[in-house]
C-alpha cells in the first residue's frame, strides 16, 4: 500500500501528509526536533527501536534518522545561539564574582575599622 502524498497547510508549515492525515516528515528543523523529542519520550517507540526483530523497527529507525537529518539543518544557528548564551552567562558570573569580592572587601573593612 502506498500513500498518496499531498502538500499540507497544517499549522502553516510545509508538511507532506499521508493517507491517514499524519505528517510524513516535518518541514522545519524546529518541527523535527519537537517530533523527535516526542518519539524519544514514547516508551512504545523505544521498545520498537530496541528490538531489531520488531516488524516496525526498520520504519521507526528510518523515521528517526530522517527527523535527525531535518533537525540538524540549522545546527549553525543553534551553535551561534548557544555560544551567545554561554558568553552571556559567563558575563553574569564574572559580574557576580566582582560584586561578591567587592562586598567581601567592604565586609573586611567594616570588621577592621572600629
PDB file of N, CA and C in Angstrom:
ATOM      1  N   UNK A   1       0.843  -1.180   0.000  1.00  0.00           N
ATOM      2  CA  UNK A   1       0.000   0.000   0.000  1.00  0.00           C
ATOM      3  C   UNK A   1       0.886   1.240   0.000  1.00  0.00           C
ATOM      4  N   UNK A   2       0.630   2.121  -0.885  1.00  0.00           N
ATOM      5  CA  UNK A   2       1.398   3.361  -0.935  1.00  0.00           C
ATOM      6  C   UNK A   2       0.509   4.517  -0.524  1.00  0.00           C
ATOM      7  N   UNK A   3       1.120   5.505   0.059  1.00  0.00           N
ATOM      8  CA  UNK A   3       0.383   6.698   0.474  1.00  0.00           C
ATOM      9  C   UNK A   3       0.348   7.695  -0.669  1.00  0.00           C
ATOM     10  N   UNK A   4      -0.783   8.340  -0.813  1.00  0.00           N
ATOM     11  CA  UNK A   4      -0.846   9.469  -1.735  1.00  0.00           C
ATOM     12  C   UNK A   4      -0.240  10.657  -1.014  1.00  0.00           C
ATOM     13  N   UNK A   5       0.753  11.236  -1.603  1.00  0.00           N
ATOM     14  CA  UNK A   5       1.433  12.351  -0.956  1.00  0.00           C
ATOM     15  C   UNK A   5       0.836  13.651  -1.466  1.00  0.00           C
ATOM     16  N   UNK A   6       0.402  14.463  -0.542  1.00  0.00           N
ATOM     17  CA  UNK A   6      -0.193  15.749  -0.900  1.00  0.00           C
ATOM     18  C   UNK A   6       0.378  16.813   0.014  1.00  0.00           C
ATOM     19  N   UNK A   7       0.665  17.991  -0.505  1.00  0.00           N
ATOM     20  CA  UNK A   7       1.148  19.060   0.360  1.00  0.00           C
ATOM     21  C   UNK A   7       0.078  19.470   1.359  1.00  0.00           C
ATOM     22  N   UNK A   8       0.503  19.937   2.495  1.00  0.00           N
ATOM     23  CA  UNK A   8      -0.431  20.295   3.550  1.00  0.00           C
ATOM     24  C   UNK A   8      -0.160  21.701   4.040  1.00  0.00           C
ATOM     25  N   UNK A   9      -1.204  22.350   4.492  1.00  0.00           N
ATOM     26  CA  UNK A   9      -1.064  23.664   5.116  1.00  0.00           C
ATOM     27  C   UNK A   9      -1.232  23.526   6.621  1.00  0.00           C
ATOM     28  N   UNK A  10      -0.905  22.355   7.171  1.00  0.00           N
ATOM     29  CA  UNK A  10      -1.052  22.070   8.589  1.00  0.00           C
ATOM     30  C   UNK A  10      -0.204  23.034   9.409  1.00  0.00           C
ATOM     31  N   UNK A  11      -0.847  23.831  10.223  1.00  0.00           N
ATOM     32  CA  UNK A  11      -0.207  24.808  11.108  1.00  0.00           C
ATOM     33  C   UNK A  11       0.766  25.705  10.347  1.00  0.00           C
ATOM     34  N   UNK A  12       0.439  26.006   9.107  1.00  0.00           N
ATOM     35  CA  UNK A  12       1.257  26.934   8.346  1.00  0.00           C
ATOM     36  C   UNK A  12       2.599  26.392   7.917  1.00  0.00           C
ATOM     37  N   UNK A  13       2.801  25.086   7.995  1.00  0.00           N
ATOM     38  CA  UNK A  13       4.097  24.529   7.619  1.00  0.00           C
ATOM     39  C   UNK A  13       3.993  23.821   6.280  1.00  0.00           C
ATOM     40  N   UNK A  14       5.109  23.322   5.815  1.00  0.00           N
ATOM     41  CA  UNK A  14       5.108  22.615   4.547  1.00  0.00           C
ATOM     42  C   UNK A  14       5.271  21.115   4.764  1.00  0.00           C
ATOM     43  N   UNK A  15       4.372  20.527   5.535  1.00  0.00           N
ATOM     44  CA  UNK A  15       4.416  19.099   5.808  1.00  0.00           C
ATOM     45  C   UNK A  15       3.872  18.311   4.628  1.00  0.00           C
ATOM     46  N   UNK A  16       4.365  17.104   4.471  1.00  0.00           N
ATOM     47  CA  UNK A  16       3.821  16.164   3.498  1.00  0.00           C
ATOM     48  C   UNK A  16       2.921  15.214   4.279  1.00  0.00           C
ATOM     49  N   UNK A  17       1.670  15.039   3.812  1.00  0.00           N
ATOM     50  CA  UNK A  17       0.695  14.247   4.559  1.00  0.00           C
ATOM     51  C   UNK A  17       0.505  12.869   3.932  1.00  0.00           C
ATOM     52  N   UNK A  18       0.296  11.874   4.775  1.00  0.00           N
ATOM     53  CA  UNK A  18      -0.015  10.520   4.333  1.00  0.00           C
ATOM     54  C   UNK A  18      -1.526  10.385   4.174  1.00  0.00           C
ATOM     55  N   UNK A  19      -1.970   9.205   3.701  1.00  0.00           N
ATOM     56  CA  UNK A  19      -3.402   8.964   3.508  1.00  0.00           C
ATOM     57  C   UNK A  19      -4.204   9.143   4.790  1.00  0.00           C
ATOM     58  N   UNK A  20      -3.622   8.748   5.916  1.00  0.00           N
ATOM     59  CA  UNK A  20      -4.359   8.826   7.175  1.00  0.00           C
ATOM     60  C   UNK A  20      -4.334  10.223   7.781  1.00  0.00           C
ATOM     61  N   UNK A  21      -3.706  11.166   7.118  1.00  0.00           N
ATOM     62  CA  UNK A  21      -3.679  12.536   7.613  1.00  0.00           C
ATOM     63  C   UNK A  21      -2.495  12.852   8.496  1.00  0.00           C
ATOM     64  N   UNK A  22      -1.647  11.866   8.760  1.00  0.00           N
ATOM     65  CA  UNK A  22      -0.482  12.128   9.601  1.00  0.00           C
ATOM     66  C   UNK A  22       0.662  12.675   8.751  1.00  0.00           C
ATOM     67  N   UNK A  23       1.457  13.560   9.316  1.00  0.00           N
ATOM     68  CA  UNK A  23       2.572  14.105   8.543  1.00  0.00           C
ATOM     69  C   UNK A  23       3.674  13.067   8.373  1.00  0.00           C
ATOM     70  N   UNK A  24       4.216  12.956   7.167  1.00  0.00           N
ATOM     71  CA  UNK A  24       5.315  12.026   6.933  1.00  0.00           C
ATOM     72  C   UNK A  24       6.612  12.578   7.515  1.00  0.00           C
ATOM     73  N   UNK A  25       6.966  13.772   7.137  1.00  0.00           N
ATOM     74  CA  UNK A  25       8.157  14.414   7.685  1.00  0.00           C
ATOM     75  C   UNK A  25       7.866  15.889   7.909  1.00  0.00           C
ATOM     76  N   UNK A  26       8.354  16.443   8.997  1.00  0.00           N
ATOM     77  CA  UNK A  26       8.137  17.868   9.240  1.00  0.00           C
ATOM     78  C   UNK A  26       8.956  18.706   8.272  1.00  0.00           C
ATOM     79  N   UNK A  27       8.504  19.914   8.063  1.00  0.00           N
ATOM     80  CA  UNK A  27       9.159  20.777   7.102  1.00  0.00           C
ATOM     81  C   UNK A  27      10.245  21.654   7.683  1.00  0.00           C
ATOM     82  N   UNK A  28      10.237  21.899   8.979  1.00  0.00           N
ATOM     83  CA  UNK A  28      11.241  22.786   9.567  1.00  0.00           C
ATOM     84  C   UNK A  28      12.045  22.040  10.626  1.00  0.00           C
ATOM     85  N   UNK A  29      13.267  22.476  10.898  1.00  0.00           N
ATOM     86  CA  UNK A  29      14.070  21.835  11.936  1.00  0.00           C
ATOM     87  C   UNK A  29      13.409  21.879  13.316  1.00  0.00           C
ATOM     88  N   UNK A  30      12.706  22.954  13.630  1.00  0.00           N
ATOM     89  CA  UNK A  30      12.037  23.045  14.936  1.00  0.00           C
ATOM     90  C   UNK A  30      10.946  21.986  15.056  1.00  0.00           C
ATOM     91  N   UNK A  31      10.173  21.786  13.985  1.00  0.00           N
ATOM     92  CA  UNK A  31       9.143  20.746  13.999  1.00  0.00           C
ATOM     93  C   UNK A  31       9.784  19.370  14.120  1.00  0.00           C
ATOM     94  N   UNK A  32      10.910  19.170  13.442  1.00  0.00           N
ATOM     95  CA  UNK A  32      11.600  17.883  13.508  1.00  0.00           C
ATOM     96  C   UNK A  32      12.110  17.612  14.920  1.00  0.00           C
ATOM     97  N   UNK A  33      12.674  18.639  15.576  1.00  0.00           N
ATOM     98  CA  UNK A  33      13.148  18.450  16.950  1.00  0.00           C
ATOM     99  C   UNK A  33      11.995  18.124  17.892  1.00  0.00           C
ATOM    100  N   UNK A  34      10.864  18.796  17.710  1.00  0.00           N
ATOM    101  CA  UNK A  34       9.702  18.530  18.565  1.00  0.00           C
ATOM    102  C   UNK A  34       9.194  17.112  18.353  1.00  0.00           C
ATOM    103  N   UNK A  35       9.120  16.702  17.095  1.00  0.00           N
ATOM    104  CA  UNK A  35       8.629  15.350  16.809  1.00  0.00           C
ATOM    105  C   UNK A  35       9.627  14.294  17.274  1.00  0.00           C
ATOM    106  N   UNK A  36      10.918  14.576  17.149  1.00  0.00           N
ATOM    107  CA  UNK A  36      11.946  13.656  17.622  1.00  0.00           C
ATOM    108  C   UNK A  36      11.885  13.519  19.142  1.00  0.00           C
ATOM    109  N   UNK A  37      11.655  14.621  19.838  1.00  0.00           N
ATOM    110  CA  UNK A  37      11.517  14.574  21.297  1.00  0.00           C
ATOM    111  C   UNK A  37      10.301  13.751  21.696  1.00  0.00           C
ATOM    112  N   UNK A  38       9.200  13.906  20.954  1.00  0.00           N
ATOM    113  CA  UNK A  38       8.003  13.114  21.243  1.00  0.00           C
ATOM    114  C   UNK A  38       8.260  11.634  20.988  1.00  0.00           C
ATOM    115  N   UNK A  39       8.981  11.327  19.921  1.00  0.00           N
ATOM    116  CA  UNK A  39       9.321   9.927  19.636  1.00  0.00           C
ATOM    117  C   UNK A  39      10.191   9.346  20.739  1.00  0.00           C
ATOM    118  N   UNK A  40      11.197  10.099  21.158  1.00  0.00           N
ATOM    119  CA  UNK A  40      12.101   9.610  22.196  1.00  0.00           C
ATOM    120  C   UNK A  40      11.403   9.452  23.539  1.00  0.00           C
ATOM    121  N   UNK A  41      10.366  10.231  23.781  1.00  0.00           N
ATOM    122  CA  UNK A  41       9.648  10.156  25.053  1.00  0.00           C
ATOM    123  C   UNK A  41       8.626   9.027  25.085  1.00  0.00           C
ATOM    124  N   UNK A  42       8.276   8.487  23.930  1.00  0.00           N
ATOM    125  CA  UNK A  42       7.249   7.444  23.849  1.00  0.00           C
ATOM    126  C   UNK A  42       7.874   6.085  24.151  1.00  0.00           C
ATOM    127  N   UNK A  43       7.466   5.426  25.260  1.00  0.00           N
ATOM    128  CA  UNK A  43       8.070   4.142  25.607  1.00  0.00           C
ATOM    129  C   UNK A  43       7.797   3.054  24.569  1.00  0.00           C
ATOM    130  N   UNK A  44       6.656   3.098  23.903  1.00  0.00           N
ATOM    131  CA  UNK A  44       6.346   2.091  22.887  1.00  0.00           C
ATOM    132  C   UNK A  44       7.315   2.200  21.713  1.00  0.00           C
ATOM    133  N   UNK A  45       7.643   3.416  21.325  1.00  0.00           N
ATOM    134  CA  UNK A  45       8.601   3.620  20.232  1.00  0.00           C
ATOM    135  C   UNK A  45       9.983   3.152  20.675  1.00  0.00           C
ATOM    136  N   UNK A  46      10.332   3.410  21.915  1.00  0.00           N
ATOM    137  CA  UNK A  46      11.615   2.943  22.441  1.00  0.00           C
ATOM    138  C   UNK A  46      11.733   1.436  22.386  1.00  0.00           C
ATOM    139  N   UNK A  47      10.648   0.733  22.726  1.00  0.00           N
ATOM    140  CA  UNK A  47      10.650  -0.729  22.648  1.00  0.00           C
ATOM    141  C   UNK A  47      10.850  -1.199  21.216  1.00  0.00           C
ATOM    142  N   UNK A  48      10.205  -0.525  20.268  1.00  0.00           N
ATOM    143  CA  UNK A  48      10.347  -0.889  18.851  1.00  0.00           C
ATOM    144  C   UNK A  48      11.786  -0.653  18.393  1.00  0.00           C
ATOM    145  N   UNK A  49      12.378   0.465  18.788  1.00  0.00           N
ATOM    146  CA  UNK A  49      13.744   0.777  18.367  1.00  0.00           C
ATOM    147  C   UNK A  49      14.766  -0.183  18.965  1.00  0.00           C
ATOM    148  N   UNK A  50      14.491  -0.695  20.154  1.00  0.00           N
ATOM    149  CA  UNK A  50      15.428  -1.606  20.809  1.00  0.00           C
ATOM    150  C   UNK A  50      15.308  -3.047  20.329  1.00  0.00           C
ATOM    151  N   UNK A  51      14.230  -3.387  19.633  1.00  0.00           N
ATOM    152  CA  UNK A  51      14.011  -4.759  19.166  1.00  0.00           C
ATOM    153  C   UNK A  51      14.157  -4.821  17.650  1.00  0.00           C
ATOM    154  N   UNK A  52      15.316  -5.259  17.142  1.00  0.00           N
ATOM    155  CA  UNK A  52      15.511  -5.287  15.692  1.00  0.00           C
ATOM    156  C   UNK A  52      14.591  -6.264  14.969  1.00  0.00           C
ATOM    157  N   UNK A  53      13.978  -7.194  15.696  1.00  0.00           N
ATOM    158  CA  UNK A  53      13.068  -8.154  15.057  1.00  0.00           C
ATOM    159  C   UNK A  53      11.633  -7.649  15.000  1.00  0.00           C
ATOM    160  N   UNK A  54      11.375  -6.505  15.602  1.00  0.00           N
ATOM    161  CA  UNK A  54      10.017  -5.955  15.584  1.00  0.00           C
ATOM    162  C   UNK A  54       9.657  -5.559  14.155  1.00  0.00           C
ATOM    163  N   UNK A  55       8.396  -5.822  13.725  1.00  0.00           N
ATOM    164  CA  UNK A  55       8.011  -5.501  12.343  1.00  0.00           C
ATOM    165  C   UNK A  55       8.129  -4.016  11.987  1.00  0.00           C
ATOM    166  N   UNK A  56       8.028  -3.127  12.954  1.00  0.00           N
ATOM    167  CA  UNK A  56       8.102  -1.689  12.680  1.00  0.00           C
ATOM    168  C   UNK A  56       9.492  -1.102  12.910  1.00  0.00           C
ATOM    169  N   UNK A  57      10.448  -1.949  13.274  1.00  0.00           N
ATOM    170  CA  UNK A  57      11.782  -1.457  13.631  1.00  0.00           C
ATOM    171  C   UNK A  57      12.421  -0.650  12.501  1.00  0.00           C
ATOM    172  N   UNK A  58      12.475  -1.203  11.313  1.00  0.00           N
ATOM    173  CA  UNK A  58      13.139  -0.520  10.194  1.00  0.00           C
ATOM    174  C   UNK A  58      12.465   0.812   9.879  1.00  0.00           C
ATOM    175  N   UNK A  59      11.139   0.834   9.910  1.00  0.00           N
ATOM    176  CA  UNK A  59      10.409   2.074   9.612  1.00  0.00           C
ATOM    177  C   UNK A  59      10.673   3.133  10.679  1.00  0.00           C
ATOM    178  N   UNK A  60      10.690   2.725  11.947  1.00  0.00           N
ATOM    179  CA  UNK A  60      10.930   3.694  13.031  1.00  0.00           C
ATOM    180  C   UNK A  60      12.363   4.217  13.005  1.00  0.00           C
ATOM    181  N   UNK A  61      13.321   3.339  12.696  1.00  0.00           N
ATOM    182  CA  UNK A  61      14.716   3.780  12.606  1.00  0.00           C
ATOM    183  C   UNK A  61      14.868   4.772  11.459  1.00  0.00           C
ATOM    184  N   UNK A  62      14.248   4.469  10.316  1.00  0.00           N
ATOM    185  CA  UNK A  62      14.317   5.381   9.171  1.00  0.00           C
ATOM    186  C   UNK A  62      13.653   6.716   9.496  1.00  0.00           C
ATOM    187  N   UNK A  63      12.506   6.667  10.194  1.00  0.00           N
ATOM    188  CA  UNK A  63      11.822   7.905  10.580  1.00  0.00           C
ATOM    189  C   UNK A  63      12.704   8.735  11.508  1.00  0.00           C
ATOM    190  N   UNK A  64      13.327   8.068  12.469  1.00  0.00           N
ATOM    191  CA  UNK A  64      14.184   8.769  13.424  1.00  0.00           C
ATOM    192  C   UNK A  64      15.386   9.405  12.721  1.00  0.00           C
ATOM    193  N   UNK A  65      16.003   8.661  11.795  1.00  0.00           N
ATOM    194  CA  UNK A  65      17.147   9.214  11.057  1.00  0.00           C
ATOM    195  C   UNK A  65      16.730  10.413  10.213  1.00  0.00           C
ATOM    196  N   UNK A  66      15.569  10.310   9.583  1.00  0.00           N
ATOM    197  CA  UNK A  66      15.071  11.435   8.792  1.00  0.00           C
ATOM    198  C   UNK A  66      14.830  12.665   9.643  1.00  0.00           C
ATOM    199  N   UNK A  67      14.231  12.455  10.816  1.00  0.00           N
ATOM    200  CA  UNK A  67      13.988  13.575  11.726  1.00  0.00           C
ATOM    201  C   UNK A  67      15.297  14.189  12.204  1.00  0.00           C
ATOM    202  N   UNK A  68      16.291  13.330  12.499  1.00  0.00           N
ATOM    203  CA  UNK A  68      17.588  13.844  12.939  1.00  0.00           C
ATOM    204  C   UNK A  68      18.259  14.666  11.841  1.00  0.00           C
ATOM    205  N   UNK A  69      18.133  14.213  10.593  1.00  0.00           N
ATOM    206  CA  UNK A  69      18.715  14.969   9.477  1.00  0.00           C
ATOM    207  C   UNK A  69      18.045  16.326   9.314  1.00  0.00           C
ATOM    208  N   UNK A  70      16.720  16.346   9.391  1.00  0.00           N
ATOM    209  CA  UNK A  70      15.995  17.611   9.250  1.00  0.00           C
ATOM    210  C   UNK A  70      16.314  18.532  10.423  1.00  0.00           C
ATOM    211  N   UNK A  71      16.364  17.957  11.630  1.00  0.00           N
ATOM    212  CA  UNK A  71      16.646  18.766  12.819  1.00  0.00           C
ATOM    213  C   UNK A  71      18.053  19.352  12.782  1.00  0.00           C
ATOM    214  N   UNK A  72      18.966  18.697  12.087  1.00  0.00           N
ATOM    215  CA  UNK A  72      20.351  19.179  12.060  1.00  0.00           C
ATOM    216  C   UNK A  72      20.584  20.261  11.015  1.00  0.00           C
ATOM    217  N   UNK A  73      19.571  20.620  10.245  1.00  0.00           N
ATOM    218  CA  UNK A  73      19.763  21.613   9.188  1.00  0.00           C
ATOM    219  C   UNK A  73      20.175  22.978   9.718  1.00  0.00           C
ATOM    220  N   UNK A  74      19.711  23.363  10.883  1.00  0.00           N
ATOM    221  CA  UNK A  74      20.067  24.694  11.403  1.00  0.00           C
ATOM    222  C   UNK A  74      21.023  24.613  12.585  1.00  0.00           C
ATOM    223  N   UNK A  75      21.919  23.638  12.573  1.00  0.00           N
ATOM    224  CA  UNK A  75      22.884  23.500  13.666  1.00  0.00           C
ATOM    225  C   UNK A  75      23.792  24.721  13.780  1.00  0.00           C
ATOM    226  N   UNK A  76      24.103  25.365  12.661  1.00  0.00           N
ATOM    227  CA  UNK A  76      24.939  26.562  12.716  1.00  0.00           C
ATOM    228  C   UNK A  76      24.281  27.664  13.517  1.00  0.00           C
ATOM    229  N   UNK A  77      22.988  27.881  13.272  1.00  0.00           N
ATOM    230  CA  UNK A  77      22.249  28.894  14.032  1.00  0.00           C
ATOM    231  C   UNK A  77      22.165  28.497  15.496  1.00  0.00           C
ATOM    232  N   UNK A  78      21.910  27.211  15.740  1.00  0.00           N
ATOM    233  CA  UNK A  78      21.818  26.738  17.116  1.00  0.00           C
ATOM    234  C   UNK A  78      23.147  26.939  17.839  1.00  0.00           C
ATOM    235  N   UNK A  79      24.244  26.613  17.168  1.00  0.00           N
ATOM    236  CA  UNK A  79      25.560  26.768  17.783  1.00  0.00           C
ATOM    237  C   UNK A  79      25.837  28.238  18.092  1.00  0.00           C
ATOM    238  N   UNK A  80      25.451  29.123  17.184  1.00  0.00           N
ATOM    239  CA  UNK A  80      25.654  30.557  17.417  1.00  0.00           C
ATOM    240  C   UNK A  80      24.825  31.035  18.603  1.00  0.00           C
ATOM    241  N   UNK A  81      23.566  30.570  18.693  1.00  0.00           N
ATOM    242  CA  UNK A  81      22.727  30.951  19.831  1.00  0.00           C
ATOM    243  C   UNK A  81      23.288  30.402  21.136  1.00  0.00           C
ATOM    244  N   UNK A  82      23.776  29.150  21.111  1.00  0.00           N
ATOM    245  CA  UNK A  82      24.341  28.541  22.315  1.00  0.00           C
ATOM    246  C   UNK A  82      25.599  29.290  22.755  1.00  0.00           C
ATOM    247  N   UNK A  83      26.433  29.686  21.790  1.00  0.00           N
ATOM    248  CA  UNK A  83      27.646  30.442  22.111  1.00  0.00           C
ATOM    249  C   UNK A  83      27.305  31.803  22.711  1.00  0.00           C
ATOM    250  N   UNK A  84      26.308  32.482  22.149  1.00  0.00           N
ATOM    251  CA  UNK A  84      25.888  33.781  22.690  1.00  0.00           C
ATOM    252  C   UNK A  84      25.354  33.621  24.111  1.00  0.00           C
ATOM    253  N   UNK A  85      24.592  32.569  24.346  1.00  0.00           N
ATOM    254  CA  UNK A  85      24.050  32.325  25.692  1.00  0.00           C
ATOM    255  C   UNK A  85      25.177  31.999  26.669  1.00  0.00           C
ATOM    256  N   UNK A  86      26.152  31.202  26.225  1.00  0.00           N
ATOM    257  CA  UNK A  86      27.288  30.863  27.083  1.00  0.00           C
ATOM    258  C   UNK A  86      28.073  32.121  27.460  1.00  0.00           C
ATOM    259  N   UNK A  87      28.297  32.999  26.492  1.00  0.00           N
ATOM    260  CA  UNK A  87      29.005  34.250  26.778  1.00  0.00           C
ATOM    261  C   UNK A  87      28.224  35.126  27.740  1.00  0.00           C
ATOM    262  N   UNK A  88      26.897  35.183  27.557  1.00  0.00           N
ATOM    263  CA  UNK A  88      26.060  35.981  28.453  1.00  0.00           C
ATOM    264  C   UNK A  88      26.146  35.443  29.880  1.00  0.00           C
ATOM    265  N   UNK A  89      26.075  34.105  30.019  1.00  0.00           N
ATOM    266  CA  UNK A  89      26.153  33.505  31.346  1.00  0.00           C
ATOM    267  C   UNK A  89      27.514  33.751  31.987  1.00  0.00           C
ATOM    268  N   UNK A  90      28.581  33.663  31.184  1.00  0.00           N
ATOM    269  CA  UNK A  90      29.916  33.941  31.725  1.00  0.00           C
ATOM    270  C   UNK A  90      30.032  35.386  32.196  1.00  0.00           C
ATOM    271  N   UNK A  91      29.461  36.315  31.445  1.00  0.00           N
ATOM    272  CA  UNK A  91      29.480  37.725  31.839  1.00  0.00           C
ATOM    273  C   UNK A  91      28.739  37.918  33.158  1.00  0.00           C
ATOM    274  N   UNK A  92      27.594  37.267  33.288  1.00  0.00           N
ATOM    275  CA  UNK A  92      26.813  37.367  34.526  1.00  0.00           C
ATOM    276  C   UNK A  92      27.609  36.794  35.692  1.00  0.00           C
ATOM    277  N   UNK A  93      28.261  35.645  35.478  1.00  0.00           N
ATOM    278  CA  UNK A  93      29.061  35.030  36.550  1.00  0.00           C
ATOM    279  C   UNK A  93      30.232  35.927  36.955  1.00  0.00           C
ATOM    280  N   UNK A  94      30.917  36.499  35.951  1.00  0.00           N
ATOM    281  CA  UNK A  94      32.045  37.384  36.254  1.00  0.00           C
ATOM    282  C   UNK A  94      31.580  38.610  37.030  1.00  0.00           C
ATOM    283  N   UNK A  95      30.455  39.172  36.639  1.00  0.00           N
ATOM    284  CA  UNK A  95      29.910  40.339  37.341  1.00  0.00           C
ATOM    285  C   UNK A  95      29.536  39.967  38.773  1.00  0.00           C
ATOM    286  N   UNK A  96      28.952  38.788  38.944  1.00  0.00           N
ATOM    287  CA  UNK A  96      28.589  38.339  40.290  1.00  0.00           C
ATOM    288  C   UNK A  96      29.841  38.130  41.137  1.00  0.00           C
ATOM    289  N   UNK A  97      30.893  37.580  40.535  1.00  0.00           N
ATOM    290  CA  UNK A  97      32.139  37.371  41.276  1.00  0.00           C
ATOM    291  C   UNK A  97      32.753  38.705  41.686  1.00  0.00           C
ATOM    292  N   UNK A  98      32.731  39.688  40.781  1.00  0.00           N
ATOM    293  CA  UNK A  98      33.260  41.015  41.118  1.00  0.00           C
ATOM    294  C   UNK A  98      32.448  41.643  42.244  1.00  0.00           C
ATOM    295  N   UNK A  99      31.142  41.517  42.171  1.00  0.00           N
ATOM    296  CA  UNK A  99      30.272  42.076  43.207  1.00  0.00           C
ATOM    297  C   UNK A  99      30.529  41.392  44.543  1.00  0.00           C
ATOM    298  N   UNK A 100      30.669  40.055  44.514  1.00  0.00           N
ATOM    299  CA  UNK A 100      30.935  39.315  45.749  1.00  0.00           C
ATOM    300  C   UNK A 100      32.269  39.722  46.363  1.00  0.00           C
ATOM    301  N   UNK A 101      33.298  39.907  45.521  1.00  0.00           N
ATOM    302  CA  UNK A 101      34.603  40.290  46.068  1.00  0.00           C
ATOM    303  C   UNK A 101      34.559  41.715  46.616  1.00  0.00           C
ATOM    304  N   UNK A 102      33.798  42.598  45.976  1.00  0.00           N
ATOM    305  CA  UNK A 102      33.664  43.967  46.480  1.00  0.00           C
ATOM    306  C   UNK A 102      32.930  43.965  47.814  1.00  0.00           C
ATOM    307  N   UNK A 103      31.889  43.157  47.919  1.00  0.00           N
ATOM    308  CA  UNK A 103      31.145  43.061  49.181  1.00  0.00           C
ATOM    309  C   UNK A 103      32.033  42.471  50.262  1.00  0.00           C
ATOM    310  N   UNK A 104      32.825  41.463  49.915  1.00  0.00           N
ATOM    311  CA  UNK A 104      33.728  40.860  50.895  1.00  0.00           C
ATOM    312  C   UNK A 104      34.771  41.870  51.358  1.00  0.00           C
ATOM    313  N   UNK A 105      35.290  42.673  50.439  1.00  0.00           N
ATOM    314  CA  UNK A 105      36.281  43.690  50.816  1.00  0.00           C
ATOM    315  C   UNK A 105      35.661  44.715  51.757  1.00  0.00           C
ATOM    316  N   UNK A 106      34.445  45.129  51.485  1.00  0.00           N
ATOM    317  CA  UNK A 106      33.765  46.073  52.373  1.00  0.00           C
ATOM    318  C   UNK A 106      33.514  45.447  53.730  1.00  0.00           C
ATOM    319  N   UNK A 107      33.178  44.174  53.736  1.00  0.00           N
ATOM    320  CA  UNK A 107      32.911  43.480  54.990  1.00  0.00           C
ATOM    321  C   UNK A 107      34.187  43.401  55.828  1.00  0.00           C
ATOM    322  N   UNK A 108      35.332  43.107  55.188  1.00  0.00           N
ATOM    323  CA  UNK A 108      36.608  43.065  55.902  1.00  0.00           C
ATOM    324  C   UNK A 108      36.930  44.447  56.454  1.00  0.00           C
ATOM    325  N   UNK A 109      36.724  45.484  55.677  1.00  0.00           N
ATOM    326  CA  UNK A 109      36.986  46.847  56.114  1.00  0.00           C
ATOM    327  C   UNK A 109      36.122  47.189  57.325  1.00  0.00           C
ATOM    328  N   UNK A 110      34.864  46.768  57.305  1.00  0.00           N
ATOM    329  CA  UNK A 110      33.969  47.060  58.437  1.00  0.00           C
ATOM    330  C   UNK A 110      34.430  46.359  59.701  1.00  0.00           C
ATOM    331  N   UNK A 111      34.951  45.146  59.544  1.00  0.00           N
ATOM    332  CA  UNK A 111      35.395  44.399  60.722  1.00  0.00           C
ATOM    333  C   UNK A 111      36.651  45.019  61.335  1.00  0.00           C
ATOM    334  N   UNK A 112      37.529  45.563  60.481  1.00  0.00           N
ATOM    335  CA  UNK A 112      38.790  46.130  60.966  1.00  0.00           C
ATOM    336  C   UNK A 112      38.550  47.487  61.611  1.00  0.00           C
ATOM    337  N   UNK A 113      37.763  48.322  60.969  1.00  0.00           N
ATOM    338  CA  UNK A 113      37.532  49.671  61.494  1.00  0.00           C
ATOM    339  C   UNK A 113      36.585  49.602  62.689  1.00  0.00           C
ATOM    340  N   UNK A 114      36.922  50.328  63.761  1.00  0.00           N
ATOM    341  CA  UNK A 114      36.043  50.295  64.949  1.00  0.00           C
ATOM    342  C   UNK A 114      34.789  51.111  64.801  1.00  0.00           C
TER     343      UNK A 114
END
